[in-house]
Amino acid sequence: MTEVKDGVIYYVMKDGYVKSGDMTSSRRLFNEMRFRTVASWNDMINGYALNGDVSAALDLFLAMLREVKPDEVTILAVLSACNHIAV
């Protein structure tokens, strides 16, 4: 039960940092998480995309590939990040 509670707290705090544009603090919390689900990876990738940091989003996606299998939401988050690339 503690792991679930901790996971929820991390998620809420991380989400708040993303919404305020503080990706440094959000990434710090992400790095502290003991158990990272596909959803937590997706949230971080999407957070970088929403905040216009394409490089960080793609770097995190590559790191994700070493740990977990991406899903459809992951692909959408990566595409969203790529949408911010200046042509």
PDB file of N, CA and C in Angstrom:
ATOM      1  N   MET A   1       0.818  -1.195   0.000  1.00  0.00           N
ATOM      2  CA  MET A   1       0.000   0.000   0.000  1.00  0.00           C
ATOM      3  C   MET A   1       0.861   1.259   0.000  1.00  0.00           C
ATOM      4  N   THR A   2       1.984   1.212   0.716  1.00  0.00           N
ATOM      5  CA  THR A   2       2.865   2.371   0.776  1.00  0.00           C
ATOM      6  C   THR A   2       3.404   2.726  -0.598  1.00  0.00           C
ATOM      7  N   GLU A   3       3.763   1.698  -1.405  1.00  0.00           N
ATOM      8  CA  GLU A   3       4.287   1.966  -2.741  1.00  0.00           C
ATOM      9  C   GLU A   3       3.249   2.670  -3.605  1.00  0.00           C
ATOM     10  N   VAL A   4       1.998   2.253  -3.504  1.00  0.00           N
ATOM     11  CA  VAL A   4       0.928   2.900  -4.272  1.00  0.00           C
ATOM     12  C   VAL A   4       0.757   4.340  -3.815  1.00  0.00           C
ATOM     13  N   LYS A   5       0.728   4.534  -2.505  1.00  0.00           N
ATOM     14  CA  LYS A   5       0.575   5.880  -1.946  1.00  0.00           C
ATOM     15  C   LYS A   5       1.735   6.766  -2.386  1.00  0.00           C
ATOM     16  N   ASP A   6       2.956   6.247  -2.292  1.00  0.00           N
ATOM     17  CA  ASP A   6       4.127   7.002  -2.723  1.00  0.00           C
ATOM     18  C   ASP A   6       4.039   7.326  -4.208  1.00  0.00           C
ATOM     19  N   GLY A   7       3.583   6.368  -5.006  1.00  0.00           N
ATOM     20  CA  GLY A   7       3.451   6.584  -6.445  1.00  0.00           C
ATOM     21  C   GLY A   7       2.471   7.690  -6.766  1.00  0.00           C
ATOM     22  N   VAL A   8       1.367   7.727  -6.048  1.00  0.00           N
ATOM     23  CA  VAL A   8       0.360   8.770  -6.267  1.00  0.00           C
ATOM     24  C   VAL A   8       0.930  10.135  -5.888  1.00  0.00           C
ATOM     25  N   ILE A   9       1.629  10.198  -4.778  1.00  0.00           N
ATOM     26  CA  ILE A   9       2.229  11.466  -4.342  1.00  0.00           C
ATOM     27  C   ILE A   9       3.246  11.950  -5.370  1.00  0.00           C
ATOM     28  N   TYR A  10       4.108  11.046  -5.834  1.00  0.00           N
ATOM     29  CA  TYR A  10       5.084  11.411  -6.862  1.00  0.00           C
ATOM     30  C   TYR A  10       4.376  11.925  -8.110  1.00  0.00           C
ATOM     31  N   TYR A  11       3.321  11.221  -8.524  1.00  0.00           N
ATOM     32  CA  TYR A  11       2.603  11.612  -9.739  1.00  0.00           C
ATOM     33  C   TYR A  11       2.016  13.014  -9.602  1.00  0.00           C
ATOM     34  N   VAL A  12       1.347  13.276  -8.498  1.00  0.00           N
ATOM     35  CA  VAL A  12       0.706  14.582  -8.298  1.00  0.00           C
ATOM     36  C   VAL A  12       1.750  15.695  -8.263  1.00  0.00           C
ATOM     37  N   MET A  13       2.838  15.470  -7.547  1.00  0.00           N
ATOM     38  CA  MET A  13       3.886  16.487  -7.471  1.00  0.00           C
ATOM     39  C   MET A  13       4.533  16.702  -8.834  1.00  0.00           C
ATOM     40  N   LYS A  14       4.849  15.600  -9.516  1.00  0.00           N
ATOM     41  CA  LYS A  14       5.486  15.675 -10.830  1.00  0.00           C
ATOM     42  C   LYS A  14       4.588  16.405 -11.816  1.00  0.00           C
ATOM     43  N   ASP A  15       3.298  16.110 -11.780  1.00  0.00           N
ATOM     44  CA  ASP A  15       2.333  16.754 -12.664  1.00  0.00           C
ATOM     45  C   ASP A  15       2.264  18.260 -12.395  1.00  0.00           C
ATOM     46  N   GLY A  16       2.305  18.629 -11.139  1.00  0.00           N
ATOM     47  CA  GLY A  16       2.298  20.054 -10.791  1.00  0.00           C
ATOM     48  C   GLY A  16       3.518  20.781 -11.326  1.00  0.00           C
ATOM     49  N   TYR A  17       4.678  20.143 -11.209  1.00  0.00           N
ATOM     50  CA  TYR A  17       5.896  20.750 -11.744  1.00  0.00           C
ATOM     51  C   TYR A  17       5.813  20.903 -13.260  1.00  0.00           C
ATOM     52  N   VAL A  18       5.301  19.879 -13.952  1.00  0.00           N
ATOM     53  CA  VAL A  18       5.161  19.948 -15.414  1.00  0.00           C
ATOM     54  C   VAL A  18       4.260  21.112 -15.793  1.00  0.00           C
ATOM     55  N   LYS A  19       3.119  21.215 -15.127  1.00  0.00           N
ATOM     56  CA  LYS A  19       2.155  22.275 -15.456  1.00  0.00           C
ATOM     57  C   LYS A  19       2.709  23.669 -15.187  1.00  0.00           C
ATOM     58  N   SER A  20       3.629  23.772 -14.231  1.00  0.00           N
ATOM     59  CA  SER A  20       4.220  25.079 -13.939  1.00  0.00           C
ATOM     60  C   SER A  20       5.476  25.335 -14.776  1.00  0.00           C
ATOM     61  N   GLY A  21       5.863  24.355 -15.606  1.00  0.00           N
ATOM     62  CA  GLY A  21       7.033  24.515 -16.463  1.00  0.00           C
ATOM     63  C   GLY A  21       8.349  24.185 -15.791  1.00  0.00           C
ATOM     64  N   ASP A  22       8.302  23.637 -14.583  1.00  0.00           N
ATOM     65  CA  ASP A  22       9.522  23.302 -13.836  1.00  0.00           C
ATOM     66  C   ASP A  22       9.911  21.847 -14.114  1.00  0.00           C
ATOM     67  N   MET A  23      10.477  21.626 -15.294  1.00  0.00           N
ATOM     68  CA  MET A  23      10.837  20.266 -15.689  1.00  0.00           C
ATOM     69  C   MET A  23      12.041  19.738 -14.921  1.00  0.00           C
ATOM     70  N   THR A  24      12.875  20.613 -14.393  1.00  0.00           N
ATOM     71  CA  THR A  24      14.019  20.166 -13.595  1.00  0.00           C
ATOM     72  C   THR A  24      13.532  19.447 -12.341  1.00  0.00           C
ATOM     73  N   SER A  25      12.584  20.044 -11.639  1.00  0.00           N
ATOM     74  CA  SER A  25      12.040  19.412 -10.431  1.00  0.00           C
ATOM     75  C   SER A  25      11.242  18.166 -10.778  1.00  0.00           C
ATOM     76  N   SER A  26      10.506  18.225 -11.882  1.00  0.00           N
ATOM     77  CA  SER A  26       9.734  17.059 -12.311  1.00  0.00           C
ATOM     78  C   SER A  26      10.665  15.890 -12.621  1.00  0.00           C
ATOM     79  N   ARG A  27      11.770  16.165 -13.306  1.00  0.00           N
ATOM     80  CA  ARG A  27      12.730  15.111 -13.652  1.00  0.00           C
ATOM     81  C   ARG A  27      13.397  14.559 -12.399  1.00  0.00           C
ATOM     82  N   ARG A  28      13.672  15.445 -11.433  1.00  0.00           N
ATOM     83  CA  ARG A  28      14.281  14.980 -10.182  1.00  0.00           C
ATOM     84  C   ARG A  28      13.372  13.964  -9.500  1.00  0.00           C
ATOM     85  N   LEU A  29      12.071  14.270  -9.425  1.00  0.00           N
ATOM     86  CA  LEU A  29      11.124  13.331  -8.824  1.00  0.00           C
ATOM     87  C   LEU A  29      11.044  12.043  -9.630  1.00  0.00           C
ATOM     88  N   PHE A  30      11.023  12.169 -10.944  1.00  0.00           N
ATOM     89  CA  PHE A  30      10.978  10.992 -11.814  1.00  0.00           C
ATOM     90  C   PHE A  30      12.182  10.093 -11.549  1.00  0.00           C
ATOM     91  N   ASN A  31      13.352  10.690 -11.438  1.00  0.00           N
ATOM     92  CA  ASN A  31      14.573   9.918 -11.186  1.00  0.00           C
ATOM     93  C   ASN A  31      14.559   9.247  -9.818  1.00  0.00           C
ATOM     94  N   GLU A  32      13.833   9.821  -8.856  1.00  0.00           N
ATOM     95  CA  GLU A  32      13.748   9.247  -7.514  1.00  0.00           C
ATOM     96  C   GLU A  32      12.759   8.088  -7.421  1.00  0.00           C
ATOM     97  N   MET A  33      11.868   7.976  -8.389  1.00  0.00           N
ATOM     98  CA  MET A  33      10.845   6.929  -8.338  1.00  0.00           C
ATOM     99  C   MET A  33      11.495   5.550  -8.404  1.00  0.00           C
ATOM    100  N   ARG A  34      11.085   4.670  -7.485  1.00  0.00           N
ATOM    101  CA  ARG A  34      11.624   3.314  -7.479  1.00  0.00           C
ATOM    102  C   ARG A  34      11.035   2.468  -8.591  1.00  0.00           C
ATOM    103  N   PHE A  35       9.764   2.657  -8.863  1.00  0.00           N
ATOM    104  CA  PHE A  35       9.076   1.876  -9.886  1.00  0.00           C
ATOM    105  C   PHE A  35       8.478   2.830 -10.910  1.00  0.00           C
ATOM    106  N   ARG A  36       9.009   2.782 -12.117  1.00  0.00           N
ATOM    107  CA  ARG A  36       8.503   3.651 -13.184  1.00  0.00           C
ATOM    108  C   ARG A  36       7.667   2.824 -14.144  1.00  0.00           C
ATOM    109  N   THR A  37       6.420   3.201 -14.281  1.00  0.00           N
ATOM    110  CA  THR A  37       5.526   2.524 -15.214  1.00  0.00           C
ATOM    111  C   THR A  37       5.634   3.186 -16.581  1.00  0.00           C
ATOM    112  N   VAL A  38       5.039   2.545 -17.579  1.00  0.00           N
ATOM    113  CA  VAL A  38       4.983   3.149 -18.911  1.00  0.00           C
ATOM    114  C   VAL A  38       4.308   4.515 -18.811  1.00  0.00           C
ATOM    115  N   ALA A  39       3.259   4.597 -17.988  1.00  0.00           N
ATOM    116  CA  ALA A  39       2.538   5.865 -17.827  1.00  0.00           C
ATOM    117  C   ALA A  39       3.438   6.958 -17.262  1.00  0.00           C
ATOM    118  N   SER A  40       4.309   6.626 -16.321  1.00  0.00           N
ATOM    119  CA  SER A  40       5.183   7.659 -15.750  1.00  0.00           C
ATOM    120  C   SER A  40       6.202   8.142 -16.783  1.00  0.00           C
ATOM    121  N   TRP A  41       6.712   7.219 -17.603  1.00  0.00           N
ATOM    122  CA  TRP A  41       7.607   7.611 -18.702  1.00  0.00           C
ATOM    123  C   TRP A  41       6.860   8.511 -19.678  1.00  0.00           C
ATOM    124  N   ASN A  42       5.644   8.102 -20.041  1.00  0.00           N
ATOM    125  CA  ASN A  42       4.842   8.885 -20.986  1.00  0.00           C
ATOM    126  C   ASN A  42       4.578  10.290 -20.459  1.00  0.00           C
ATOM    127  N   ASP A  43       4.268  10.389 -19.174  1.00  0.00           N
ATOM    128  CA  ASP A  43       4.006  11.698 -18.569  1.00  0.00           C
ATOM    129  C   ASP A  43       5.219  12.616 -18.690  1.00  0.00           C
ATOM    130  N   MET A  44       6.399  12.070 -18.447  1.00  0.00           N
ATOM    131  CA  MET A  44       7.604  12.891 -18.538  1.00  0.00           C
ATOM    132  C   MET A  44       7.891  13.298 -19.977  1.00  0.00           C
ATOM    133  N   ILE A  45       7.779  12.358 -20.901  1.00  0.00           N
ATOM    134  CA  ILE A  45       8.018  12.681 -22.315  1.00  0.00           C
ATOM    135  C   ILE A  45       7.033  13.749 -22.766  1.00  0.00           C
ATOM    136  N   ASN A  46       5.774  13.568 -22.411  1.00  0.00           N
ATOM    137  CA  ASN A  46       4.753  14.546 -22.775  1.00  0.00           C
ATOM    138  C   ASN A  46       5.007  15.894 -22.097  1.00  0.00           C
ATOM    139  N   GLY A  47       5.488  15.861 -20.866  1.00  0.00           N
ATOM    140  CA  GLY A  47       5.810  17.107 -20.164  1.00  0.00           C
ATOM    141  C   GLY A  47       6.884  17.898 -20.882  1.00  0.00           C
ATOM    142  N   TYR A  48       7.930  17.200 -21.318  1.00  0.00           N
ATOM    143  CA  TYR A  48       8.968  17.883 -22.088  1.00  0.00           C
ATOM    144  C   TYR A  48       8.395  18.432 -23.390  1.00  0.00           C
ATOM    145  N   ALA A  49       7.538  17.646 -24.051  1.00  0.00           N
ATOM    146  CA  ALA A  49       6.921  18.098 -25.301  1.00  0.00           C
ATOM    147  C   ALA A  49       6.086  19.353 -25.064  1.00  0.00           C
ATOM    148  N   LEU A  50       5.266  19.336 -24.022  1.00  0.00           N
ATOM    149  CA  LEU A  50       4.405  20.487 -23.723  1.00  0.00           C
ATOM    150  C   LEU A  50       5.208  21.741 -23.398  1.00  0.00           C
ATOM    151  N   ASN A  51       6.389  21.531 -22.832  1.00  0.00           N
ATOM    152  CA  ASN A  51       7.234  22.663 -22.467  1.00  0.00           C
ATOM    153  C   ASN A  51       8.267  22.995 -23.540  1.00  0.00           C
ATOM    154  N   GLY A  52       8.141  22.363 -24.721  1.00  0.00           N
ATOM    155  CA  GLY A  52       8.974  22.709 -25.868  1.00  0.00           C
ATOM    156  C   GLY A  52      10.397  22.189 -25.842  1.00  0.00           C
ATOM    157  N   ASP A  53      10.706  21.236 -24.970  1.00  0.00           N
ATOM    158  CA  ASP A  53      12.063  20.688 -24.899  1.00  0.00           C
ATOM    159  C   ASP A  53      12.118  19.371 -25.671  1.00  0.00           C
ATOM    160  N   VAL A  54      12.224  19.497 -26.989  1.00  0.00           N
ATOM    161  CA  VAL A  54      12.201  18.341 -27.883  1.00  0.00           C
ATOM    162  C   VAL A  54      13.365  17.403 -27.601  1.00  0.00           C
ATOM    163  N   SER A  55      14.542  17.963 -27.420  1.00  0.00           N
ATOM    164  CA  SER A  55      15.739  17.154 -27.193  1.00  0.00           C
ATOM    165  C   SER A  55      15.597  16.283 -25.945  1.00  0.00           C
ATOM    166  N   ALA A  56      15.116  16.865 -24.859  1.00  0.00           N
ATOM    167  CA  ALA A  56      14.938  16.102 -23.618  1.00  0.00           C
ATOM    168  C   ALA A  56      13.872  15.027 -23.792  1.00  0.00           C
ATOM    169  N   ALA A  57      12.799  15.345 -24.518  1.00  0.00           N
ATOM    170  CA  ALA A  57      11.735  14.361 -24.756  1.00  0.00           C
ATOM    171  C   ALA A  57      12.274  13.163 -25.524  1.00  0.00           C
ATOM    172  N   LEU A  58      13.053  13.427 -26.571  1.00  0.00           N
ATOM    173  CA  LEU A  58      13.593  12.331 -27.380  1.00  0.00           C
ATOM    174  C   LEU A  58      14.668  11.551 -26.627  1.00  0.00           C
ATOM    175  N   ASP A  59      15.491  12.248 -25.848  1.00  0.00           N
ATOM    176  CA  ASP A  59      16.498  11.559 -25.027  1.00  0.00           C
ATOM    177  C   ASP A  59      15.827  10.631 -24.016  1.00  0.00           C
ATOM    178  N   LEU A  60      14.752  11.112 -23.399  1.00  0.00           N
ATOM    179  CA  LEU A  60      14.044  10.291 -22.420  1.00  0.00           C
ATOM    180  C   LEU A  60      13.379   9.094 -23.094  1.00  0.00           C
ATOM    181  N   PHE A  61      12.851   9.303 -24.286  1.00  0.00           N
ATOM    182  CA  PHE A  61      12.262   8.197 -25.044  1.00  0.00           C
ATOM    183  C   PHE A  61      13.308   7.115 -25.306  1.00  0.00           C
ATOM    184  N   LEU A  62      14.506   7.503 -25.710  1.00  0.00           N
ATOM    185  CA  LEU A  62      15.569   6.524 -25.951  1.00  0.00           C
ATOM    186  C   LEU A  62      15.943   5.792 -24.664  1.00  0.00           C
ATOM    187  N   ALA A  63      15.973   6.503 -23.552  1.00  0.00           N
ATOM    188  CA  ALA A  63      16.247   5.861 -22.258  1.00  0.00           C
ATOM    189  C   ALA A  63      15.122   4.899 -21.899  1.00  0.00           C
ATOM    190  N   MET A  64      13.898   5.292 -22.195  1.00  0.00           N
ATOM    191  CA  MET A  64      12.735   4.442 -21.911  1.00  0.00           C
ATOM    192  C   MET A  64      12.854   3.102 -22.620  1.00  0.00           C
ATOM    193  N   LEU A  65      13.331   3.138 -23.868  1.00  0.00           N
ATOM    194  CA  LEU A  65      13.442   1.909 -24.661  1.00  0.00           C
ATOM    195  C   LEU A  65      14.347   0.874 -23.998  1.00  0.00           C
ATOM    196  N   ARG A  66      15.265   1.321 -23.160  1.00  0.00           N
ATOM    197  CA  ARG A  66      16.166   0.399 -22.462  1.00  0.00           C
ATOM    198  C   ARG A  66      15.509  -0.244 -21.246  1.00  0.00           C
ATOM    199  N   GLU A  67      14.384   0.319 -20.776  1.00  0.00           N
ATOM    200  CA  GLU A  67      13.762  -0.176 -19.544  1.00  0.00           C
ATOM    201  C   GLU A  67      12.373  -0.769 -19.708  1.00  0.00           C
ATOM    202  N   VAL A  68      11.536  -0.141 -20.517  1.00  0.00           N
ATOM    203  CA  VAL A  68      10.162  -0.623 -20.679  1.00  0.00           C
ATOM    204  C   VAL A  68       9.739  -0.525 -22.140  1.00  0.00           C
ATOM    205  N   LYS A  69       8.697  -1.270 -22.467  1.00  0.00           N
ATOM    206  CA  LYS A  69       8.173  -1.249 -23.828  1.00  0.00           C
ATOM    207  C   LYS A  69       7.189  -0.086 -23.972  1.00  0.00           C
ATOM    208  N   PRO A  70       7.414   0.781 -24.963  1.00  0.00           N
ATOM    209  CA  PRO A  70       6.488   1.895 -25.166  1.00  0.00           C
ATOM    210  C   PRO A  70       5.124   1.411 -25.647  1.00  0.00           C
ATOM    211  N   ASP A  71       4.122   2.254 -25.460  1.00  0.00           N
ATOM    212  CA  ASP A  71       2.784   1.930 -25.946  1.00  0.00           C
ATOM    213  C   ASP A  71       2.317   3.023 -26.912  1.00  0.00           C
ATOM    214  N   GLU A  72       1.054   2.983 -27.269  1.00  0.00           N
ATOM    215  CA  GLU A  72       0.510   3.949 -28.222  1.00  0.00           C
ATOM    216  C   GLU A  72       0.600   5.378 -27.696  1.00  0.00           C
ATOM    217  N   VAL A  73       0.407   5.542 -26.407  1.00  0.00           N
ATOM    218  CA  VAL A  73       0.476   6.872 -25.798  1.00  0.00           C
ATOM    219  C   VAL A  73       1.898   7.422 -25.910  1.00  0.00           C
ATOM    220  N   THR A  74       2.883   6.546 -25.779  1.00  0.00           N
ATOM    221  CA  THR A  74       4.278   6.959 -25.924  1.00  0.00           C
ATOM    222  C   THR A  74       4.514   7.541 -27.311  1.00  0.00           C
ATOM    223  N   ILE A  75       4.020   6.834 -28.315  1.00  0.00           N
ATOM    224  CA  ILE A  75       4.215   7.286 -29.692  1.00  0.00           C
ATOM    225  C   ILE A  75       3.572   8.661 -29.897  1.00  0.00           C
ATOM    226  N   LEU A  76       2.383   8.854 -29.342  1.00  0.00           N
ATOM    227  CA  LEU A  76       1.724  10.161 -29.454  1.00  0.00           C
ATOM    228  C   LEU A  76       2.538  11.255 -28.763  1.00  0.00           C
ATOM    229  N   ALA A  77       3.119  10.944 -27.610  1.00  0.00           N
ATOM    230  CA  ALA A  77       3.935  11.930 -26.887  1.00  0.00           C
ATOM    231  C   ALA A  77       5.179  12.294 -27.692  1.00  0.00           C
ATOM    232  N   VAL A  78       5.814  11.295 -28.307  1.00  0.00           N
ATOM    233  CA  VAL A  78       7.004  11.551 -29.127  1.00  0.00           C
ATOM    234  C   VAL A  78       6.626  12.377 -30.358  1.00  0.00           C
ATOM    235  N   LEU A  79       5.510  12.037 -30.993  1.00  0.00           N
ATOM    236  CA  LEU A  79       5.050  12.821 -32.147  1.00  0.00           C
ATOM    237  C   LEU A  79       4.731  14.259 -31.744  1.00  0.00           C
ATOM    238  N   SER A  80       4.155  14.422 -30.567  1.00  0.00           N
ATOM    239  CA  SER A  80       3.863  15.765 -30.065  1.00  0.00           C
ATOM    240  C   SER A  80       5.153  16.556 -29.884  1.00  0.00           C
ATOM    241  N   ALA A  81       6.180  15.900 -29.357  1.00  0.00           N
ATOM    242  CA  ALA A  81       7.477  16.565 -29.189  1.00  0.00           C
ATOM    243  C   ALA A  81       8.046  16.963 -30.544  1.00  0.00           C
ATOM    244  N   CYS A  82       7.970  16.059 -31.508  1.00  0.00           N
ATOM    245  CA  CYS A  82       8.505  16.341 -32.845  1.00  0.00           C
ATOM    246  C   CYS A  82       7.757  17.481 -33.517  1.00  0.00           C
ATOM    247  N   ASN A  83       6.515  17.667 -33.158  1.00  0.00           N
ATOM    248  CA  ASN A  83       5.713  18.754 -33.715  1.00  0.00           C
ATOM    249  C   ASN A  83       6.297  20.123 -33.357  1.00  0.00           C
ATOM    250  N   HIS A  84       7.115  20.175 -32.303  1.00  0.00           N
ATOM    251  CA  HIS A  84       7.710  21.438 -31.869  1.00  0.00           C
ATOM    252  C   HIS A  84       9.034  21.749 -32.569  1.00  0.00           C
ATOM    253  N   ILE A  85       9.491  20.841 -33.424  1.00  0.00           N
ATOM    254  CA  ILE A  85      10.749  21.074 -34.140  1.00  0.00           C
ATOM    255  C   ILE A  85      10.515  22.143 -35.200  1.00  0.00           C
ATOM    256  N   ALA A  86      11.356  23.152 -35.190  1.00  0.00           N
ATOM    257  CA  ALA A  86      11.237  24.226 -36.191  1.00  0.00           C
ATOM    258  C   ALA A  86      11.689  23.705 -37.549  1.00  0.00           C
ATOM    259  N   VAL A  87      10.914  24.018 -38.545  1.00  0.00           N
ATOM    260  CA  VAL A  87      11.239  23.571 -39.910  1.00  0.00           C
ATOM    261  C   VAL A  87      11.928  24.683 -40.647  1.00  0.00           C
TER     262      VAL A  87
END
